Amino acid sequence: MRKSLFILTLLFLYSCNQRSIHSGRQTITVTIAPYSFFIREIAGDDFRINIMVPSGSNPHIYEPYPRQIAGLRESAAYITNGFLGVEMSWMDRFKEINRTMKIVSVGEKIEPIASAHVHEDESDHDEAVDPHYWISPKCAIIIARSVMDLVGELNPGKRDNYEENYEDLVQKINDIDRKAKTLFAGLKERSFMIYHPNLAYLARDYGLVEIPVEFEGKEPPPSRLRELIDIAERENINTIFVQKEFDTRNAKTIADEVGAEIKVIDPLSEEWLDSTEDIINGLYLSLSGNEK
């Protein structure tokens, strides 16, 4: 019902397809907050950034509010993940609201991982591809290049500056990549447990094994909880990772049973570099602790 009323509101408020004209900066809409980091690092404050799914919200099932749609309507471009549930559900409507904005899917050049996400009562949000690639430094290099090409096209007079900033950003990402390779290279224990499986690309790129608590996109039934407790004991799991946006209750049930800690991570942070380094450090401390 809420979605139907919201769609009617959009059709009424935004039936006019003329983009509002603002002096100064152009607007770029991004689906999730981490993409704003890449724009800021490459283009500084040259663009307004409209975040469709703000940090702290679930991008698999989020429904945008009028303030985000207003920003979309004014946007010169949209940076889309390409695989997120909110995009599966809303992208056609976004295109109708603003038919002139350039759409860049930064996931097009990512080697995909098949998704196991099936969200309860949200079949229109099902994702055939795991969308969490931005957390991997190797994938972040691809994202950065796409963003650099876009901002250079939108503001060609500063393309040289953007290319220099892009090279600086690539160096920062490569530093994180080298750190991850060094930290994970000598580990014997390589399995970690996480409530919502959002580190699959990071795990693939550095030879780790992700064990999700979620069961088919839902809270696990008692039988699965028992199985996870057995796995955690067998794998000497000492930390269970939980994304900031998710309830920690089921993860805490397992943690209490096996004497593990809960580590809250924030992969949807606008500060991609700090967030990714925190995740990598947390994984290393957990996995190296398993070997003691």
Protein backbone atom coordinates (compact mmCIF):
# COMPACT_ATOMS: atom_id res chain seq x y z
CA MET A 1 0.00 0.00 0.00
CA ARG A 2 2.78 2.42 0.94
CA LYS A 3 4.54 1.80 -2.37
CA SER A 4 1.35 2.36 -4.38
CA LEU A 5 0.64 5.66 -2.63
CA PHE A 6 4.25 6.69 -3.08
CA ILE A 7 4.18 5.94 -6.82
CA LEU A 8 1.01 8.01 -7.22
CA THR A 9 2.69 10.86 -5.36
CA LEU A 10 5.71 10.65 -7.68
CA LEU A 11 3.54 10.68 -10.78
CA PHE A 12 1.73 13.76 -9.48
CA LEU A 13 4.77 15.67 -8.26
CA TYR A 14 7.24 14.76 -10.96
CA SER A 15 5.23 14.28 -14.13
CA CYS A 16 7.06 17.28 -15.58
CA ASN A 17 10.32 15.95 -16.90
CA GLN A 18 12.18 19.26 -17.11
CA ARG A 19 15.32 19.21 -14.95
CA SER A 20 15.52 22.06 -12.46
CA ILE A 21 18.30 24.48 -13.38
CA HIS A 22 20.79 25.35 -10.62
CA SER A 23 23.68 27.74 -10.92
CA GLY A 24 27.01 26.10 -10.19
CA ARG A 25 27.47 22.42 -9.60
CA GLN A 26 25.78 19.56 -11.42
CA THR A 27 24.19 16.76 -9.39
CA ILE A 28 25.17 13.10 -9.54
CA THR A 29 22.87 10.54 -7.93
CA VAL A 30 24.37 7.35 -6.52
CA THR A 31 22.48 4.32 -5.29
CA ILE A 32 24.59 3.79 -2.16
CA ALA A 33 26.75 6.03 0.02
CA PRO A 34 30.17 4.41 -0.68
CA TYR A 35 30.06 5.62 -4.29
CA SER A 36 30.04 9.21 -3.04
CA PHE A 37 33.57 8.58 -1.70
CA PHE A 38 34.90 7.95 -5.21
CA ILE A 39 33.27 11.10 -6.56
CA ARG A 40 34.69 13.24 -3.75
CA GLU A 41 38.17 11.76 -4.05
CA ILE A 42 38.30 12.35 -7.80
CA ALA A 43 36.21 15.51 -8.28
CA GLY A 44 36.33 17.16 -4.85
CA ASP A 45 33.30 19.39 -4.34
CA ASP A 46 32.69 19.97 -8.05
CA PHE A 47 29.41 18.00 -7.97
CA ARG A 48 26.41 17.78 -5.69
CA ILE A 49 25.89 14.15 -4.61
CA ASN A 50 22.40 12.74 -4.10
CA ILE A 51 22.49 9.41 -2.24
CA MET A 52 19.44 7.31 -3.05
CA VAL A 53 19.91 4.81 -0.20
CA PRO A 54 21.49 6.66 2.75
CA SER A 55 23.94 4.98 5.11
CA GLY A 56 22.07 3.05 7.77
CA SER A 57 19.37 1.80 5.35
CA ASN A 58 19.02 -1.59 3.70
CA PRO A 59 19.71 -1.26 -0.07
CA HIS A 60 18.09 -4.61 -0.82
CA ILE A 61 14.58 -3.47 0.11
CA TYR A 62 14.77 0.32 0.46
CA GLU A 63 12.03 2.56 -0.91
CA PRO A 64 13.21 6.11 -1.70
CA TYR A 65 11.60 9.23 -0.24
CA PRO A 66 10.55 12.37 -2.15
CA ARG A 67 13.71 14.27 -1.17
CA GLN A 68 15.83 11.61 -2.90
CA ILE A 69 13.54 11.64 -5.95
CA ALA A 70 13.84 15.45 -6.10
CA GLY A 71 17.63 15.08 -6.24
CA LEU A 72 17.27 12.39 -8.90
CA ARG A 73 15.14 14.66 -11.05
CA GLU A 74 17.89 17.31 -11.02
CA SER A 75 20.73 14.89 -11.72
CA ALA A 76 23.01 15.02 -14.72
CA ALA A 77 24.03 11.40 -14.10
CA TYR A 78 23.21 8.34 -12.02
CA ILE A 79 25.86 5.88 -10.77
CA THR A 80 24.16 2.54 -10.26
CA ASN A 81 25.46 -0.63 -8.65
CA GLY A 82 23.64 -2.71 -11.25
CA PHE A 83 22.61 -5.60 -9.02
CA LEU A 84 20.96 -4.21 -5.86
CA GLY A 85 17.34 -5.04 -5.05
CA VAL A 86 16.32 -1.38 -4.85
CA GLU A 87 17.53 -0.96 -8.42
CA MET A 88 15.73 -4.08 -9.63
CA SER A 89 12.52 -2.62 -8.26
CA TRP A 90 12.88 1.09 -9.01
CA MET A 91 15.28 1.70 -11.90
CA ASP A 92 12.65 1.83 -14.65
CA ARG A 93 10.76 4.48 -12.67
CA PHE A 94 13.96 6.43 -12.03
CA LYS A 95 14.55 6.58 -15.78
CA GLU A 96 11.02 7.87 -16.36
CA ILE A 97 11.46 10.61 -13.78
CA ASN A 98 14.67 11.84 -15.46
CA ARG A 99 15.01 10.69 -19.05
CA THR A 100 18.05 12.84 -19.82
CA MET A 101 20.46 11.79 -17.06
CA LYS A 102 23.43 9.65 -18.04
CA ILE A 103 23.36 6.23 -16.34
CA VAL A 104 26.62 4.51 -15.46
CA SER A 105 26.52 0.97 -14.05
CA VAL A 106 29.85 0.47 -12.29
CA GLY A 107 29.09 -3.25 -11.94
CA GLU A 108 29.30 -3.92 -15.69
CA LYS A 109 33.03 -4.69 -15.61
CA ILE A 110 32.99 -6.65 -12.34
CA GLU A 111 33.37 -10.43 -12.50
CA PRO A 112 30.12 -11.39 -10.74
CA ILE A 113 29.43 -13.87 -7.98
CA ALA A 114 26.04 -15.59 -8.02
CA SER A 115 23.75 -14.39 -5.26
CA ALA A 116 21.89 -16.41 -2.67
CA HIS A 117 19.73 -13.44 -1.65
CA VAL A 118 16.00 -14.17 -1.56
CA HIS A 119 14.25 -11.65 0.66
CA GLU A 120 11.06 -12.68 2.42
CA ASP A 121 7.94 -11.15 0.83
CA GLU A 122 10.17 -9.18 -1.53
CA SER A 123 10.41 -11.41 -4.60
CA ASP A 124 10.66 -8.34 -6.87
CA HIS A 125 13.89 -7.48 -5.10
CA ASP A 126 15.64 -10.81 -5.66
CA GLU A 127 19.22 -10.43 -6.86
CA ALA A 128 20.73 -12.89 -9.32
CA VAL A 129 24.21 -11.46 -8.70
CA ASP A 130 25.82 -10.70 -5.34
CA PRO A 131 25.90 -6.88 -5.35
CA HIS A 132 28.51 -6.28 -2.63
CA TYR A 133 31.55 -5.95 -4.89
CA TRP A 134 32.41 -2.38 -3.83
CA ILE A 135 33.91 -3.69 -0.56
CA SER A 136 36.76 -5.37 -2.42
CA PRO A 137 39.79 -3.15 -3.18
CA LYS A 138 40.28 -4.97 -6.49
CA CYS A 139 36.75 -4.05 -7.55
CA ALA A 140 37.17 -0.52 -6.16
CA ILE A 141 39.82 0.15 -8.81
CA ILE A 142 37.21 -0.58 -11.48
CA ILE A 143 34.67 1.67 -9.75
CA ALA A 144 37.20 4.51 -9.55
CA ARG A 145 37.90 4.32 -13.28
CA SER A 146 34.21 4.46 -14.15
CA VAL A 147 33.71 7.47 -11.87
CA MET A 148 36.74 9.27 -13.35
CA ASP A 149 35.44 8.75 -16.89
CA LEU A 150 32.01 10.06 -15.87
CA VAL A 151 33.10 13.23 -14.09
CA GLY A 152 35.56 13.95 -16.88
CA GLU A 153 32.74 13.73 -19.39
CA LEU A 154 30.42 15.93 -17.31
CA ASN A 155 33.10 18.55 -16.66
CA PRO A 156 35.70 18.19 -19.45
CA GLY A 157 37.50 21.41 -18.52
CA LYS A 158 38.82 19.73 -15.37
CA ARG A 159 39.48 16.28 -16.78
CA ASP A 160 43.23 16.60 -16.28
CA ASN A 161 42.70 17.37 -12.59
CA TYR A 162 40.36 14.41 -12.26
CA GLU A 163 42.90 12.10 -13.87
CA GLU A 164 45.55 13.22 -11.38
CA ASN A 165 43.17 12.70 -8.46
CA TYR A 166 42.21 9.32 -9.87
CA GLU A 167 45.86 8.23 -9.92
CA ASP A 168 46.23 9.35 -6.29
CA LEU A 169 43.10 7.38 -5.35
CA VAL A 170 44.34 4.27 -7.16
CA GLN A 171 47.52 4.48 -5.10
CA LYS A 172 45.48 4.56 -1.87
CA ILE A 173 43.40 1.58 -3.00
CA ASN A 174 46.50 -0.34 -4.06
CA ASP A 175 47.99 0.28 -0.61
CA ILE A 176 44.91 -1.32 0.97
CA ASP A 177 45.12 -4.20 -1.52
CA ARG A 178 48.77 -4.85 -0.69
CA LYS A 179 48.01 -4.70 3.02
CA ALA A 180 45.23 -7.28 2.63
CA LYS A 181 47.47 -9.59 0.59
CA THR A 182 50.21 -9.36 3.22
CA LEU A 183 47.90 -9.89 6.18
CA PHE A 184 46.00 -12.83 4.72
CA ALA A 185 48.87 -14.55 2.90
CA GLY A 186 50.23 -16.57 5.81
CA LEU A 187 47.00 -17.49 7.54
CA LYS A 188 46.04 -21.12 7.99
CA GLU A 189 42.54 -20.40 9.29
CA ARG A 190 40.61 -18.72 6.49
CA SER A 191 36.91 -19.12 7.39
CA PHE A 192 34.92 -16.29 8.98
CA MET A 193 31.26 -16.01 9.99
CA ILE A 194 29.05 -13.04 9.10
CA TYR A 195 25.35 -12.41 9.58
CA HIS A 196 24.55 -10.94 6.15
CA PRO A 197 26.85 -12.28 3.40
CA ASN A 198 28.33 -9.04 2.12
CA LEU A 199 32.03 -9.91 2.00
CA ALA A 200 31.99 -12.56 -0.74
CA TYR A 201 34.12 -10.53 -3.18
CA LEU A 202 36.64 -9.70 -0.48
CA ALA A 203 36.76 -13.38 0.45
CA ARG A 204 37.19 -14.46 -3.18
CA ASP A 205 39.95 -11.97 -3.87
CA TYR A 206 42.04 -12.93 -0.85
CA GLY A 207 41.35 -16.63 -0.51
CA LEU A 208 38.98 -16.49 2.46
CA VAL A 209 35.76 -18.43 3.13
CA GLU A 210 32.58 -16.57 4.07
CA ILE A 211 30.05 -18.44 6.26
CA PRO A 212 26.71 -16.56 6.34
CA VAL A 213 24.29 -16.71 9.27
CA GLU A 214 21.35 -15.63 7.13
CA PHE A 215 19.38 -18.49 5.59
CA GLU A 216 18.01 -17.72 2.11
CA GLY A 217 17.95 -14.02 2.95
CA LYS A 218 16.03 -14.54 6.19
CA GLU A 219 16.72 -15.15 9.85
CA PRO A 220 17.95 -18.73 10.26
CA PRO A 221 15.56 -21.37 11.64
CA PRO A 222 16.57 -23.20 14.86
CA SER A 223 17.99 -26.13 12.86
CA ARG A 224 20.29 -23.79 10.93
CA LEU A 225 21.32 -22.01 14.13
CA ARG A 226 22.35 -25.34 15.61
CA GLU A 227 24.31 -26.16 12.47
CA LEU A 228 26.05 -22.76 12.57
CA ILE A 229 27.01 -23.27 16.21
CA ASP A 230 28.59 -26.60 15.29
CA ILE A 231 30.45 -24.98 12.39
CA ALA A 232 31.66 -22.14 14.60
CA GLU A 233 33.00 -24.61 17.15
CA ARG A 234 34.66 -26.72 14.50
CA GLU A 235 36.25 -23.73 12.75
CA ASN A 236 37.26 -22.05 16.03
CA ILE A 237 35.27 -18.94 15.12
CA ASN A 238 36.01 -16.19 17.65
CA THR A 239 34.24 -13.29 15.92
CA ILE A 240 30.91 -12.93 14.14
CA PHE A 241 30.67 -9.96 11.80
CA VAL A 242 27.41 -8.02 11.58
CA GLN A 243 26.65 -5.17 9.20
CA LYS A 244 25.58 -1.97 10.95
CA GLU A 245 22.10 -2.07 9.41
CA PHE A 246 21.21 -5.57 10.70
CA ASP A 247 19.89 -6.92 14.00
CA THR A 248 22.57 -8.70 16.03
CA ARG A 249 20.28 -11.08 17.96
CA ASN A 250 20.86 -14.28 15.97
CA ALA A 251 24.56 -13.55 15.66
CA LYS A 252 24.70 -13.02 19.42
CA THR A 253 22.96 -16.36 20.01
CA ILE A 254 25.79 -18.12 18.18
CA ALA A 255 28.45 -15.92 19.75
CA ASP A 256 27.22 -16.68 23.26
CA GLU A 257 27.22 -20.40 22.57
CA VAL A 258 30.81 -20.52 21.33
CA GLY A 259 32.34 -17.65 23.28
CA ALA A 260 32.77 -15.41 20.24
CA GLU A 261 32.62 -11.63 19.99
CA ILE A 262 30.39 -9.50 17.77
CA LYS A 263 32.19 -7.16 15.36
CA VAL A 264 29.97 -4.49 13.79
CA ILE A 265 31.14 -3.37 10.35
CA ASP A 266 29.91 -0.53 8.16
CA PRO A 267 30.39 -1.40 4.47
CA LEU A 268 27.76 1.20 3.50
CA SER A 269 29.76 4.06 5.01
CA GLU A 270 30.48 7.13 2.90
CA GLU A 271 34.11 6.78 4.01
CA TRP A 272 35.02 3.78 1.86
CA LEU A 273 38.73 3.77 2.66
CA ASP A 274 38.32 3.82 6.45
CA SER A 275 35.46 1.31 6.37
CA THR A 276 37.31 -1.16 4.13
CA GLU A 277 40.50 -0.95 6.18
CA ASP A 278 38.48 -1.56 9.35
CA ILE A 279 36.88 -4.66 7.78
CA ILE A 280 40.24 -6.03 6.62
CA ASN A 281 41.84 -5.41 10.02
CA GLY A 282 38.89 -7.04 11.76
CA LEU A 283 39.08 -10.12 9.57
CA TYR A 284 42.82 -10.46 10.13
CA LEU A 285 42.55 -10.10 13.91
CA SER A 286 39.77 -12.68 13.96
CA LEU A 287 41.51 -15.19 11.70
CA SER A 288 44.95 -14.81 13.26
CA GLY A 289 43.33 -15.20 16.68
CA ASN A 290 41.90 -18.54 15.54
CA GLU A 291 45.45 -19.85 15.10
CA LYS A 292 46.53 -19.17 18.66
